[in-house]
N, C-alpha and C. Protein backbone atom coordinates (compact mmCIF):
# COMPACT_ATOMS: atom_id res chain seq x y z
N MET A 1 63.56 -36.57 8.09
CA MET A 1 62.40 -36.08 8.20
C MET A 1 62.25 -35.64 9.92
N THR A 2 62.03 -34.62 9.87
CA THR A 2 61.73 -34.11 11.37
C THR A 2 60.81 -34.77 12.12
N ASP A 3 61.21 -34.51 13.63
CA ASP A 3 60.65 -35.04 14.71
C ASP A 3 58.74 -34.13 14.41
N ASP A 4 58.77 -33.12 14.11
CA ASP A 4 57.51 -32.33 14.20
C ASP A 4 56.64 -32.84 13.16
N ARG A 5 57.51 -33.40 12.00
CA ARG A 5 56.90 -34.15 10.57
C ARG A 5 56.16 -35.28 10.90
N ILE A 6 56.85 -36.28 11.37
CA ILE A 6 56.92 -37.37 11.54
C ILE A 6 55.75 -37.09 12.89
N GLN A 7 55.42 -36.85 13.73
CA GLN A 7 54.25 -36.52 14.93
C GLN A 7 53.28 -35.86 14.10
N SER A 8 53.14 -35.14 13.19
CA SER A 8 51.97 -34.61 12.43
C SER A 8 51.42 -35.63 11.44
N LEU A 9 52.27 -36.43 11.18
CA LEU A 9 51.69 -37.41 10.55
C LEU A 9 51.12 -38.64 11.38
N THR A 10 51.28 -39.12 12.39
CA THR A 10 50.93 -39.96 12.98
C THR A 10 49.85 -39.47 14.08
N SER A 11 49.84 -38.05 14.52
CA SER A 11 48.85 -37.98 15.53
C SER A 11 47.64 -37.79 15.27
N PRO A 12 47.10 -37.70 13.45
CA PRO A 12 45.71 -37.66 12.92
C PRO A 12 45.40 -39.02 13.27
N ASP A 13 45.78 -39.94 13.20
CA ASP A 13 45.15 -41.41 13.65
C ASP A 13 45.43 -41.57 14.93
N LYS A 14 46.06 -41.12 15.81
CA LYS A 14 45.83 -41.08 16.78
C LYS A 14 44.59 -40.51 17.83
N LYS A 15 44.59 -39.21 17.31
CA LYS A 15 43.12 -38.57 17.70
C LYS A 15 42.21 -38.93 17.03
N ASN A 16 42.08 -39.70 15.64
CA ASN A 16 40.84 -40.29 15.10
C ASN A 16 40.20 -41.69 15.92
N ASP A 17 41.64 -42.44 16.73
CA ASP A 17 41.11 -43.93 17.60
C ASP A 17 40.85 -42.65 18.39
N GLN A 18 41.51 -41.86 19.27
CA GLN A 18 40.83 -41.20 20.61
C GLN A 18 39.27 -41.09 20.40
N GLN A 19 39.17 -40.17 19.10
CA GLN A 19 37.59 -39.66 18.71
C GLN A 19 36.60 -40.48 18.96
N ALA A 20 37.33 -41.78 17.86
CA ALA A 20 36.04 -42.59 18.05
C ALA A 20 36.05 -43.72 19.20
N MET A 21 37.12 -43.87 20.11
CA MET A 21 36.61 -44.40 21.27
C MET A 21 35.80 -43.47 22.51
N ASN A 22 35.96 -42.21 22.45
CA ASN A 22 35.12 -41.29 23.18
C ASN A 22 33.73 -41.53 22.85
N THR A 23 33.47 -41.56 21.50
CA THR A 23 31.60 -41.69 20.84
C THR A 23 31.56 -42.76 21.75
N ALA A 24 32.18 -44.44 21.31
CA ALA A 24 31.75 -45.06 21.44
C ALA A 24 31.41 -45.41 22.95
N VAL A 25 32.18 -44.77 23.91
CA VAL A 25 31.58 -44.83 25.29
C VAL A 25 30.74 -43.97 25.59
N ARG A 26 30.41 -42.55 24.84
CA ARG A 26 29.50 -41.92 25.35
C ARG A 26 27.89 -42.68 24.48
N ILE A 27 27.84 -43.59 23.79
CA ILE A 27 27.07 -44.10 23.05
C ILE A 27 26.40 -45.21 23.99
N LEU A 28 27.62 -45.99 24.76
CA LEU A 28 27.26 -47.11 25.27
C LEU A 28 26.93 -46.64 27.10
N THR A 29 26.88 -45.25 26.85
CA THR A 29 26.44 -44.57 28.39
C THR A 29 25.06 -44.65 28.68
N TYR A 30 24.59 -44.55 27.77
CA TYR A 30 22.78 -44.67 27.87
C TYR A 30 22.20 -46.13 27.66
N ARG A 31 23.08 -46.94 26.89
CA ARG A 31 22.26 -48.13 27.20
C ARG A 31 23.04 -49.42 26.44
N ASP A 32 23.28 -50.24 27.02
CA ASP A 32 24.26 -51.36 26.35
C ASP A 32 23.51 -51.72 24.71
N HIS A 33 24.53 -51.70 24.04
CA HIS A 33 24.71 -51.66 22.61
C HIS A 33 25.25 -53.58 22.47
N SER A 34 24.97 -54.00 21.46
CA SER A 34 25.62 -55.21 20.65
C SER A 34 26.96 -54.63 19.85
N GLN A 35 27.42 -55.50 19.87
CA GLN A 35 28.95 -55.50 18.87
C GLN A 35 28.36 -54.60 17.43
N TYR A 36 27.57 -55.26 17.10
CA TYR A 36 26.82 -55.13 15.63
C TYR A 36 26.18 -53.57 15.75
N GLU A 37 25.24 -52.95 16.61
CA GLU A 37 24.61 -51.84 17.00
C GLU A 37 25.96 -50.85 16.92
N LEU A 38 26.90 -50.74 17.80
CA LEU A 38 27.64 -50.12 18.34
C LEU A 38 29.03 -49.83 16.64
N LYS A 39 29.27 -50.59 16.17
CA LYS A 39 29.66 -50.78 14.74
C LYS A 39 29.25 -49.48 14.08
N ARG A 40 27.51 -50.37 13.76
CA ARG A 40 26.85 -49.35 12.64
C ARG A 40 26.93 -47.89 13.12
N LYS A 41 27.20 -47.58 14.76
CA LYS A 41 27.07 -46.05 14.72
C LYS A 41 28.06 -45.59 14.49
N LEU A 42 29.10 -46.11 14.80
CA LEU A 42 30.46 -45.59 14.55
C LEU A 42 30.42 -45.19 13.16
N GLN A 43 29.90 -45.89 12.09
CA GLN A 43 30.17 -45.85 10.62
C GLN A 43 29.41 -44.86 10.51
N GLN A 44 28.36 -44.94 10.97
CA GLN A 44 27.38 -43.37 10.63
C GLN A 44 27.99 -42.08 10.93
N ARG A 45 28.78 -42.14 11.70
CA ARG A 45 29.30 -41.24 12.23
C ARG A 45 30.73 -40.66 11.61
N GLY A 46 31.28 -41.75 10.72
CA GLY A 46 31.92 -41.41 9.36
C GLY A 46 33.76 -42.04 10.05
N PHE A 47 33.72 -42.84 10.88
CA PHE A 47 34.92 -43.62 11.17
C PHE A 47 35.35 -44.55 10.35
N ALA A 48 36.69 -44.44 9.89
CA ALA A 48 37.13 -45.57 9.52
C ALA A 48 36.53 -47.13 10.13
N SER A 49 36.66 -48.19 9.14
CA SER A 49 36.71 -49.48 9.63
C SER A 49 37.73 -50.17 10.55
N ASP A 50 38.76 -49.69 10.12
CA ASP A 50 39.70 -49.92 11.05
C ASP A 50 40.01 -49.59 12.41
N VAL A 51 39.65 -48.35 12.41
CA VAL A 51 39.07 -48.10 13.43
C VAL A 51 38.48 -48.40 14.36
N ILE A 52 37.13 -48.67 13.47
CA ILE A 52 36.11 -49.39 14.49
C ILE A 52 36.25 -50.19 14.74
N ASN A 53 37.07 -51.29 14.06
CA ASN A 53 37.39 -53.16 14.64
C ASN A 53 38.48 -52.44 15.77
N GLY A 54 39.34 -51.70 15.88
CA GLY A 54 40.32 -51.24 17.18
C GLY A 54 39.52 -50.67 18.28
N VAL A 55 38.42 -50.21 18.05
CA VAL A 55 37.79 -49.64 19.21
C VAL A 55 36.81 -50.84 19.86
N ILE A 56 36.06 -51.33 18.64
CA ILE A 56 34.89 -52.22 19.56
C ILE A 56 36.24 -53.74 19.93
N GLU A 57 37.16 -53.76 19.79
CA GLU A 57 38.35 -54.80 20.30
C GLU A 57 38.23 -53.87 21.82
N LYS A 58 38.90 -52.93 21.68
CA LYS A 58 39.22 -52.32 23.24
C LYS A 58 37.60 -52.80 24.26
N CYS A 59 36.48 -52.14 23.49
CA CYS A 59 35.57 -52.14 24.07
C CYS A 59 34.93 -53.94 24.61
N GLU A 60 35.18 -54.60 24.05
CA GLU A 60 35.12 -56.02 24.43
C GLU A 60 35.94 -56.22 25.38
N ARG A 61 37.48 -55.53 25.37
CA ARG A 61 38.30 -56.41 26.56
C ARG A 61 38.31 -55.38 27.79
N PHE A 62 37.50 -54.13 27.77
CA PHE A 62 37.17 -54.00 28.80
C PHE A 62 35.79 -54.17 29.41
N ASN A 63 35.04 -55.02 28.61
CA ASN A 63 33.70 -54.96 29.05
C ASN A 63 32.78 -54.02 29.00
N TYR A 64 33.35 -53.16 28.19
CA TYR A 64 32.16 -52.38 27.80
C TYR A 64 30.56 -52.95 26.61
N ILE A 65 31.12 -53.81 25.88
CA ILE A 65 30.11 -54.26 25.43
C ILE A 65 30.41 -55.79 25.83
N ASP A 66 28.93 -56.73 25.48
CA ASP A 66 29.18 -58.05 25.82
C ASP A 66 27.88 -58.39 25.10
N ASP A 67 27.53 -59.28 24.01
CA ASP A 67 26.47 -59.39 23.20
C ASP A 67 25.47 -60.33 24.26
N GLN A 68 26.05 -61.30 24.76
CA GLN A 68 25.52 -61.93 25.72
C GLN A 68 24.84 -61.14 26.86
N LYS A 69 25.19 -60.44 27.47
CA LYS A 69 24.82 -59.22 28.59
C LYS A 69 23.54 -58.69 28.13
N THR A 70 23.95 -58.28 26.73
CA THR A 70 23.09 -57.38 26.38
C THR A 70 21.77 -57.79 25.70
N ALA A 71 21.98 -59.06 25.43
CA ALA A 71 20.50 -60.12 25.02
C ALA A 71 19.92 -60.23 26.26
N ARG A 72 20.47 -60.76 27.03
CA ARG A 72 19.86 -61.11 28.55
C ARG A 72 19.16 -59.98 28.82
N LEU A 73 19.62 -58.45 29.01
CA LEU A 73 18.66 -57.81 29.41
C LEU A 73 17.40 -57.31 28.34
N TYR A 74 17.94 -57.07 27.17
CA TYR A 74 16.88 -56.57 26.36
C TYR A 74 15.83 -58.33 26.44
N ILE A 75 16.05 -59.62 26.26
CA ILE A 75 15.00 -60.16 26.92
C ILE A 75 14.51 -59.97 28.15
N LEU A 76 15.10 -59.54 29.13
CA LEU A 76 13.70 -59.20 30.53
C LEU A 76 13.15 -57.69 29.95
N GLN A 77 13.75 -56.93 29.25
CA GLN A 77 12.98 -55.95 28.87
C GLN A 77 11.88 -56.08 27.92
N LEU A 78 11.58 -56.86 27.00
CA LEU A 78 10.78 -57.22 26.57
C LEU A 78 9.63 -58.76 27.26
N LYS A 79 10.35 -59.17 28.11
CA LYS A 79 9.47 -59.96 29.04
C LYS A 79 8.70 -58.84 29.53
N ARG A 80 9.37 -58.00 30.23
CA ARG A 80 8.08 -57.41 31.57
C ARG A 80 7.53 -56.42 30.40
N LYS A 81 7.45 -56.27 29.18
CA LYS A 81 6.45 -55.63 28.55
C LYS A 81 5.11 -56.95 27.88
N CYS A 82 5.61 -57.74 28.09
CA CYS A 82 4.73 -59.11 27.84
C CYS A 82 4.69 -59.44 26.53
N PHE A 83 5.71 -59.65 25.83
CA PHE A 83 6.06 -60.19 24.76
C PHE A 83 6.23 -61.62 24.44
N GLY A 84 5.73 -62.52 23.65
CA GLY A 84 6.00 -63.79 23.71
C GLY A 84 7.25 -63.64 23.33
N LYS A 85 7.91 -65.36 23.15
CA LYS A 85 9.30 -65.93 22.58
C LYS A 85 9.28 -65.41 21.51
N ARG A 86 8.68 -66.13 20.62
CA ARG A 86 8.80 -65.83 19.55
C ARG A 86 8.95 -64.25 18.59
N TYR A 87 8.35 -63.46 19.27
CA TYR A 87 8.49 -61.57 18.79
C TYR A 87 10.22 -61.49 19.43
N ILE A 88 10.21 -62.28 20.74
CA ILE A 88 11.75 -62.16 21.15
C ILE A 88 13.02 -62.03 20.19
N ARG A 89 12.61 -63.80 19.87
CA ARG A 89 13.58 -64.10 19.16
C ARG A 89 13.76 -62.96 17.59
N LEU A 90 12.75 -62.88 17.07
CA LEU A 90 13.03 -61.75 16.06
C LEU A 90 13.79 -60.53 16.98
N ALA A 91 13.35 -60.32 17.39
CA ALA A 91 13.57 -58.80 17.85
C ALA A 91 15.17 -58.73 18.45
N LEU A 92 15.79 -60.05 18.64
CA LEU A 92 17.07 -60.55 19.23
C LEU A 92 17.76 -60.84 17.32
N LYS A 93 17.62 -61.21 16.45
CA LYS A 93 17.95 -61.14 15.37
C LYS A 93 17.84 -60.39 14.58
N ARG A 94 16.82 -59.41 14.47
CA ARG A 94 17.34 -57.41 14.49
C ARG A 94 17.88 -56.82 14.57
N LYS A 95 18.72 -57.18 16.05
CA LYS A 95 19.85 -56.57 16.76
C LYS A 95 21.22 -57.08 16.51
N ARG A 96 20.54 -58.40 15.21
CA ARG A 96 22.24 -59.32 15.63
C ARG A 96 22.66 -60.16 16.37
N LEU A 97 22.21 -60.23 17.38
CA LEU A 97 22.18 -61.12 18.62
C LEU A 97 21.55 -62.81 18.19
N ARG A 98 22.63 -63.68 18.10
CA ARG A 98 21.72 -64.93 17.89
C ARG A 98 23.36 -65.44 18.04
N GLY A 99 22.73 -67.09 18.03
CA GLY A 99 23.74 -67.94 18.24
C GLY A 99 23.45 -68.83 19.39
N ASP A 100 23.90 -70.21 19.59
CA ASP A 100 24.02 -70.97 20.80
C ASP A 100 23.67 -70.38 21.82
N ALA A 101 24.59 -69.23 22.68
CA ALA A 101 24.60 -68.63 23.52
C ALA A 101 23.47 -68.30 23.84
N ILE A 102 22.82 -67.13 22.70
CA ILE A 102 21.64 -66.50 22.85
C ILE A 102 20.43 -67.55 23.41
N ASP A 103 20.20 -68.34 21.97
CA ASP A 103 19.33 -69.50 22.67
C ASP A 103 19.24 -70.19 23.83
N ARG A 104 20.48 -69.96 24.58
CA ARG A 104 20.66 -70.65 25.57
C ARG A 104 20.14 -69.82 26.40
N ILE A 105 20.21 -68.27 26.66
CA ILE A 105 19.94 -67.39 27.45
C ILE A 105 18.21 -67.21 27.23
N LEU A 106 17.93 -67.32 26.05
CA LEU A 106 16.41 -67.11 25.92
C LEU A 106 16.11 -68.39 26.51
N SER A 107 16.39 -69.67 26.20
CA SER A 107 15.64 -70.90 26.86
C SER A 107 15.40 -70.67 28.66
N ALA A 108 17.15 -69.95 29.16
CA ALA A 108 16.72 -69.70 30.55
C ALA A 108 15.99 -68.88 31.19
N GLU A 109 16.14 -67.75 30.04
CA GLU A 109 14.87 -66.81 30.57
C GLU A 109 13.69 -66.52 30.60
N TYR A 110 13.18 -67.20 29.48
CA TYR A 110 12.12 -67.53 29.34
C TYR A 110 11.28 -68.71 28.84
N PRO A 111 11.27 -69.53 29.96
CA PRO A 111 10.93 -70.89 29.94
C PRO A 111 9.08 -70.91 29.37
N GLY A 112 8.93 -72.23 28.87
CA GLY A 112 7.35 -71.99 28.39
C GLY A 112 6.05 -71.54 28.94
N VAL A 113 6.29 -71.69 30.46
CA VAL A 113 5.66 -71.63 31.11
C VAL A 113 5.13 -70.19 31.41
N ASP A 114 6.38 -69.15 31.12
CA ASP A 114 5.83 -67.85 31.35
C ASP A 114 5.35 -67.38 29.80
N GLU A 115 5.24 -68.35 29.26
CA GLU A 115 4.44 -67.47 27.79
C GLU A 115 3.21 -67.14 28.26
N TYR A 116 2.35 -68.22 29.04
CA TYR A 116 1.01 -68.64 29.48
C TYR A 116 0.68 -67.28 30.48
N VAL A 117 1.61 -67.25 31.50
CA VAL A 117 1.42 -65.98 32.12
C VAL A 117 1.60 -64.94 31.45
N HIS A 118 2.34 -64.65 30.79
CA HIS A 118 2.63 -63.17 29.95
C HIS A 118 1.22 -63.02 29.05
N ALA A 119 0.59 -64.12 28.58
CA ALA A 119 -0.49 -63.69 27.61
C ALA A 119 -1.75 -63.24 28.44
N SER A 120 -1.66 -64.40 29.51
CA SER A 120 -2.89 -64.02 30.08
C SER A 120 -2.86 -62.76 31.14
N ARG A 121 -1.56 -62.09 31.53
CA ARG A 121 -1.54 -60.99 31.91
C ARG A 121 -1.66 -59.73 30.73
N ILE A 122 -1.35 -59.88 29.33
CA ILE A 122 -1.80 -58.79 28.33
C ILE A 122 -3.17 -59.02 28.06
N LEU A 123 -3.74 -60.21 28.11
CA LEU A 123 -4.96 -60.33 27.57
C LEU A 123 -5.97 -59.68 29.02
N GLU A 124 -5.92 -59.80 30.01
CA GLU A 124 -6.38 -59.10 31.23
C GLU A 124 -6.28 -57.83 31.05
N LYS A 125 -5.40 -57.15 30.35
CA LYS A 125 -5.19 -55.61 30.27
C LYS A 125 -6.24 -55.28 28.93
N LYS A 126 -5.94 -56.23 28.33
CA LYS A 126 -7.21 -55.70 27.23
C LYS A 126 -8.65 -56.40 26.96
N LYS A 127 -8.95 -56.98 28.41
CA LYS A 127 -10.03 -57.69 28.82
C LYS A 127 -11.28 -56.93 27.98
N LYS A 128 -11.28 -55.37 28.29
CA LYS A 128 -12.22 -54.48 28.26
C LYS A 128 -12.67 -54.19 26.35
N THR A 129 -11.31 -54.01 26.20
CA THR A 129 -11.31 -53.74 24.19
C THR A 129 -12.23 -55.15 23.50
N PHE A 130 -11.85 -55.96 23.72
CA PHE A 130 -12.09 -57.45 23.15
C PHE A 130 -13.77 -57.40 23.73
N ALA A 131 -14.12 -57.19 24.99
CA ALA A 131 -15.48 -57.49 25.13
C ALA A 131 -16.29 -56.38 24.42
N ARG A 132 -15.81 -55.66 23.98
CA ARG A 132 -16.64 -54.30 22.86
C ARG A 132 -17.32 -55.25 21.88
N GLU A 133 -16.55 -56.34 21.76
CA GLU A 133 -17.00 -57.39 20.10
C GLU A 133 -18.13 -57.98 20.75
N PRO A 134 -19.38 -57.55 20.13
CA PRO A 134 -20.37 -59.16 20.02
C PRO A 134 -20.21 -60.03 19.69
N ASP A 135 -19.60 -59.70 18.41
CA ASP A 135 -19.74 -61.44 17.91
C ASP A 135 -18.76 -62.37 18.41
N PRO A 136 -18.88 -63.32 18.96
CA PRO A 136 -17.61 -64.58 19.51
C PRO A 136 -16.57 -64.84 18.59
N LYS A 137 -17.13 -64.79 17.42
CA LYS A 137 -15.96 -64.96 16.54
C LYS A 137 -15.23 -64.60 15.74
N LYS A 138 -15.78 -63.25 15.90
CA LYS A 138 -14.69 -61.94 15.40
C LYS A 138 -13.80 -61.66 16.75
N ARG A 139 -14.66 -61.93 18.21
CA ARG A 139 -13.61 -61.75 19.37
C ARG A 139 -12.61 -62.41 19.46
N SER A 140 -12.98 -63.82 19.00
CA SER A 140 -11.78 -64.65 19.44
C SER A 140 -10.85 -64.49 17.63
N ASP A 141 -11.09 -64.09 16.77
CA ASP A 141 -9.90 -64.00 15.83
C ASP A 141 -9.69 -62.60 16.42
N LYS A 142 -9.85 -61.45 16.80
CA LYS A 142 -9.33 -60.26 17.22
C LYS A 142 -7.64 -61.02 18.58
N ILE A 143 -8.54 -61.60 19.30
CA ILE A 143 -7.62 -62.20 20.21
C ILE A 143 -6.62 -62.54 20.08
N TYR A 144 -7.32 -63.65 18.67
CA TYR A 144 -5.49 -64.66 18.21
C TYR A 144 -4.80 -63.57 17.58
N ARG A 145 -5.20 -62.36 16.96
CA ARG A 145 -4.25 -62.01 15.64
C ARG A 145 -3.29 -60.71 16.99
N PHE A 146 -3.95 -60.44 18.14
CA PHE A 146 -3.39 -59.65 18.89
C PHE A 146 -2.19 -60.13 19.61
N LEU A 147 -2.66 -61.63 20.03
CA LEU A 147 -1.53 -62.57 20.49
C LEU A 147 -0.36 -62.65 19.60
N TYR A 148 -0.74 -62.88 18.36
CA TYR A 148 0.12 -63.71 17.61
C TYR A 148 1.02 -62.29 17.12
N SER A 149 0.38 -61.53 17.18
CA SER A 149 1.23 -60.25 16.68
C SER A 149 2.29 -59.69 18.20
N ARG A 150 2.05 -60.39 19.40
CA ARG A 150 3.02 -59.92 20.13
C ARG A 150 3.83 -60.95 20.67
N GLY A 151 3.61 -62.29 19.58
CA GLY A 151 5.36 -63.27 19.30
C GLY A 151 4.47 -64.43 20.38
N PHE A 152 3.48 -64.93 20.65
CA PHE A 152 3.30 -65.70 21.27
C PHE A 152 2.71 -67.09 20.57
N HIS A 153 2.97 -68.22 21.03
CA HIS A 153 2.57 -69.62 20.55
C HIS A 153 1.63 -69.50 19.74
N PRO A 154 1.13 -70.25 18.51
CA PRO A 154 -0.36 -70.64 18.33
C PRO A 154 -0.91 -71.23 19.23
N SER A 155 -0.31 -72.38 19.92
CA SER A 155 -0.75 -73.53 21.13
C SER A 155 -1.46 -72.59 22.41
N VAL A 156 0.02 -71.89 22.85
CA VAL A 156 -0.54 -70.74 24.08
C VAL A 156 -1.75 -70.35 23.82
N ILE A 157 -1.80 -69.76 22.20
CA ILE A 157 -3.04 -68.72 21.91
C ILE A 157 -4.53 -69.31 22.00
N ARG A 158 -4.14 -70.52 21.22
CA ARG A 158 -5.68 -71.54 21.23
C ARG A 158 -5.93 -71.76 22.49
N ASN A 159 -5.37 -71.73 23.88
CA ASN A 159 -5.69 -72.15 25.03
C ASN A 159 -6.23 -70.94 25.94
N TYR A 160 -6.64 -69.45 25.14
CA TYR A 160 -6.76 -68.21 25.47
C TYR A 160 -8.06 -68.10 24.45
N VAL A 161 -8.17 -68.83 23.52
CA VAL A 161 -9.45 -68.08 22.59
C VAL A 161 -10.45 -69.55 22.80
N LYS A 162 -10.19 -70.36 23.50
CA LYS A 162 -11.64 -70.95 23.92
C LYS A 162 -11.84 -70.65 25.06
């Protein structure tokens, strides 16, 4: 075999690896992604799984992706939007961020006291909406459903419904 023919047989793989890495870097410039999210996005763009695994390894080695850092940032983002701990845990599972390390981060970044603070903050914003309901029973039911849908623990909700 000639050198040109050997090079032409190996270069498409190199080019495909480089394209996948470029795509991954472009995806990661907009926001942090979990390993699962990046893998899924590369699959959607038609890259082979062995190429994707190589790119994931490189990204981890260069610290482009870090599931714990991504989880921490996502927790803080949802916390600023006044979501409860239960909602945040489910959102992390949807992003395939789970495990003992993620649970420790969630406990550290979102202590139980914060749920009371965030529940009161979100209720203060919705005060006028709930005040329009004349029936106290219906009002308390609406408040309960609203806070529950935002992921607050039932014991926290009961304190505010009273």
